[in-house]
Amino acid sequence: MNHEYTTERIIEIINGASDKNLEKTLEQKKYSGLDTATFSESEITKLINATSDEILKGEQSELLQERIKKRFLKLKSISKENFNMFEVAMQCKKLVDEYKALAKEKGWKEIERMF
């Protein structure tokens, strides 16, 4: 089923996702014994932003991991017949940059400092 992603459709999707997250949060707070009677607009905004940031952070880490794997495979596939020192140097530089970004995303301070 193809949906045309108009501004209105995107707003509907965001509103639906935020409603589900709010319901989940309200349900969790109900069981934790906290007062769930009111939520301010700023609390809802913080909740949506935190959820969005967490999703994006996970997707960014997965993307970096996939790029690193592909780059390793590309380096591994180099043989005597297709050896190019410049290409190897560029692939290694990109690999270091991506691994450093992944270390930063994951909070691996020691690995990040090594690069």
Protein backbone atom coordinates (compact mmCIF):
# COMPACT_ATOMS: atom_id res chain seq x y z
CA MET A 1 0.00 0.00 0.00
CA ASN A 2 1.63 3.23 -1.13
CA HIS A 3 0.85 6.41 0.77
CA GLU A 4 1.73 9.79 -0.56
CA TYR A 5 3.69 11.56 2.17
CA THR A 6 2.11 14.96 2.24
CA THR A 7 2.59 17.43 5.07
CA GLU A 8 -0.77 16.40 6.50
CA ARG A 9 0.11 12.68 6.34
CA ILE A 10 3.45 13.29 8.06
CA ILE A 11 1.70 15.26 10.82
CA GLU A 12 -0.78 12.40 11.25
CA ILE A 13 2.07 9.91 11.60
CA ILE A 14 3.89 12.07 14.15
CA ASN A 15 0.70 12.67 16.12
CA GLY A 16 -0.09 8.95 16.13
CA ALA A 17 3.40 8.06 17.31
CA SER A 18 3.36 10.71 20.04
CA ASP A 19 -0.08 9.55 21.22
CA LYS A 20 1.17 5.95 21.49
CA ASN A 21 4.30 7.07 23.36
CA LEU A 22 2.23 9.22 25.70
CA GLU A 23 -0.16 6.35 26.40
CA LYS A 24 2.77 4.05 27.11
CA THR A 25 4.33 6.61 29.45
CA LEU A 26 1.04 7.20 31.24
CA GLU A 27 0.59 3.46 31.68
CA GLN A 28 4.11 3.09 33.06
CA LYS A 29 3.64 5.99 35.46
CA LYS A 30 0.32 4.57 36.65
CA TYR A 31 2.07 1.38 37.71
CA SER A 32 4.98 3.25 39.23
CA GLY A 33 2.68 5.22 41.54
CA LEU A 34 3.47 8.64 40.12
CA ASP A 35 0.83 11.30 39.53
CA THR A 36 -0.25 11.14 35.90
CA ALA A 37 -3.10 13.61 36.04
CA THR A 38 -1.46 16.33 33.99
CA PHE A 39 1.29 16.69 31.46
CA SER A 40 2.51 20.07 30.39
CA GLU A 41 3.28 20.83 26.77
CA SER A 42 6.97 21.03 27.62
CA GLU A 43 6.89 17.55 29.22
CA ILE A 44 5.24 16.10 26.12
CA THR A 45 7.78 17.88 23.90
CA LYS A 46 10.65 16.49 25.99
CA LEU A 47 9.17 12.99 25.76
CA ILE A 48 8.79 13.17 21.98
CA ASN A 49 12.27 14.64 21.53
CA ALA A 50 13.88 12.03 23.76
CA THR A 51 12.13 9.22 21.91
CA SER A 52 13.09 10.65 18.51
CA ASP A 53 16.70 11.16 19.59
CA GLU A 54 16.95 7.58 20.86
CA ILE A 55 15.54 6.18 17.60
CA LEU A 56 17.88 8.32 15.48
CA LYS A 57 20.88 7.40 17.62
CA GLY A 58 20.15 3.69 17.15
CA GLU A 59 19.68 4.07 13.41
CA GLN A 60 22.89 6.10 13.12
CA SER A 61 24.86 3.41 14.97
CA GLU A 62 23.44 0.68 12.75
CA LEU A 63 24.25 2.68 9.62
CA LEU A 64 27.84 3.26 10.75
CA GLN A 65 28.28 -0.43 11.61
CA GLU A 66 27.05 -1.42 8.15
CA ARG A 67 29.38 1.06 6.46
CA ILE A 68 32.33 -0.25 8.48
CA LYS A 69 31.52 -3.86 7.52
CA LYS A 70 31.26 -2.94 3.83
CA ARG A 71 34.53 -1.03 3.98
CA PHE A 72 36.31 -3.99 5.57
CA LEU A 73 34.94 -6.25 2.85
CA LYS A 74 36.11 -3.82 0.19
CA LEU A 75 39.62 -3.76 1.68
CA LYS A 76 39.60 -7.54 1.98
CA SER A 77 38.71 -7.91 -1.70
CA ILE A 78 41.82 -6.04 -2.86
CA SER A 79 44.29 -8.34 -4.59
CA LYS A 80 47.51 -7.98 -6.56
CA GLU A 81 45.51 -7.50 -9.75
CA ASN A 82 43.41 -4.60 -8.50
CA PHE A 83 45.80 -3.07 -5.95
CA ASN A 84 45.84 0.71 -5.87
CA MET A 85 47.71 2.35 -2.99
CA PHE A 86 45.63 5.53 -3.16
CA GLU A 87 42.39 3.52 -2.98
CA VAL A 88 43.69 1.58 0.04
CA ALA A 89 44.69 4.81 1.78
CA MET A 90 41.27 6.39 1.11
CA GLN A 91 39.40 3.33 2.33
CA CYS A 92 41.49 3.24 5.51
CA LYS A 93 40.89 6.95 6.14
CA LYS A 94 37.13 6.53 5.70
CA LEU A 95 37.20 3.46 7.93
CA VAL A 96 38.94 5.41 10.70
CA ASP A 97 36.47 8.30 10.41
CA GLU A 98 33.45 5.99 10.56
CA TYR A 99 34.84 3.96 13.44
CA LYS A 100 35.59 7.17 15.36
CA ALA A 101 32.00 8.36 14.77
CA LEU A 102 30.66 4.99 15.94
CA ALA A 103 32.81 5.15 19.08
CA LYS A 104 31.44 8.62 19.79
CA GLU A 105 27.84 7.44 19.27
CA LYS A 106 28.32 4.45 21.56
CA GLY A 107 30.25 6.40 24.19
CA TRP A 108 33.42 4.35 23.78
CA LYS A 109 35.75 7.03 25.13
CA GLU A 110 38.95 4.94 25.07
CA ILE A 111 38.46 3.88 21.46
CA GLU A 112 37.50 7.41 20.44
CA ARG A 113 40.74 8.74 22.00
CA MET A 114 42.81 6.16 20.10
CA PHE A 115 41.71 7.70 16.81
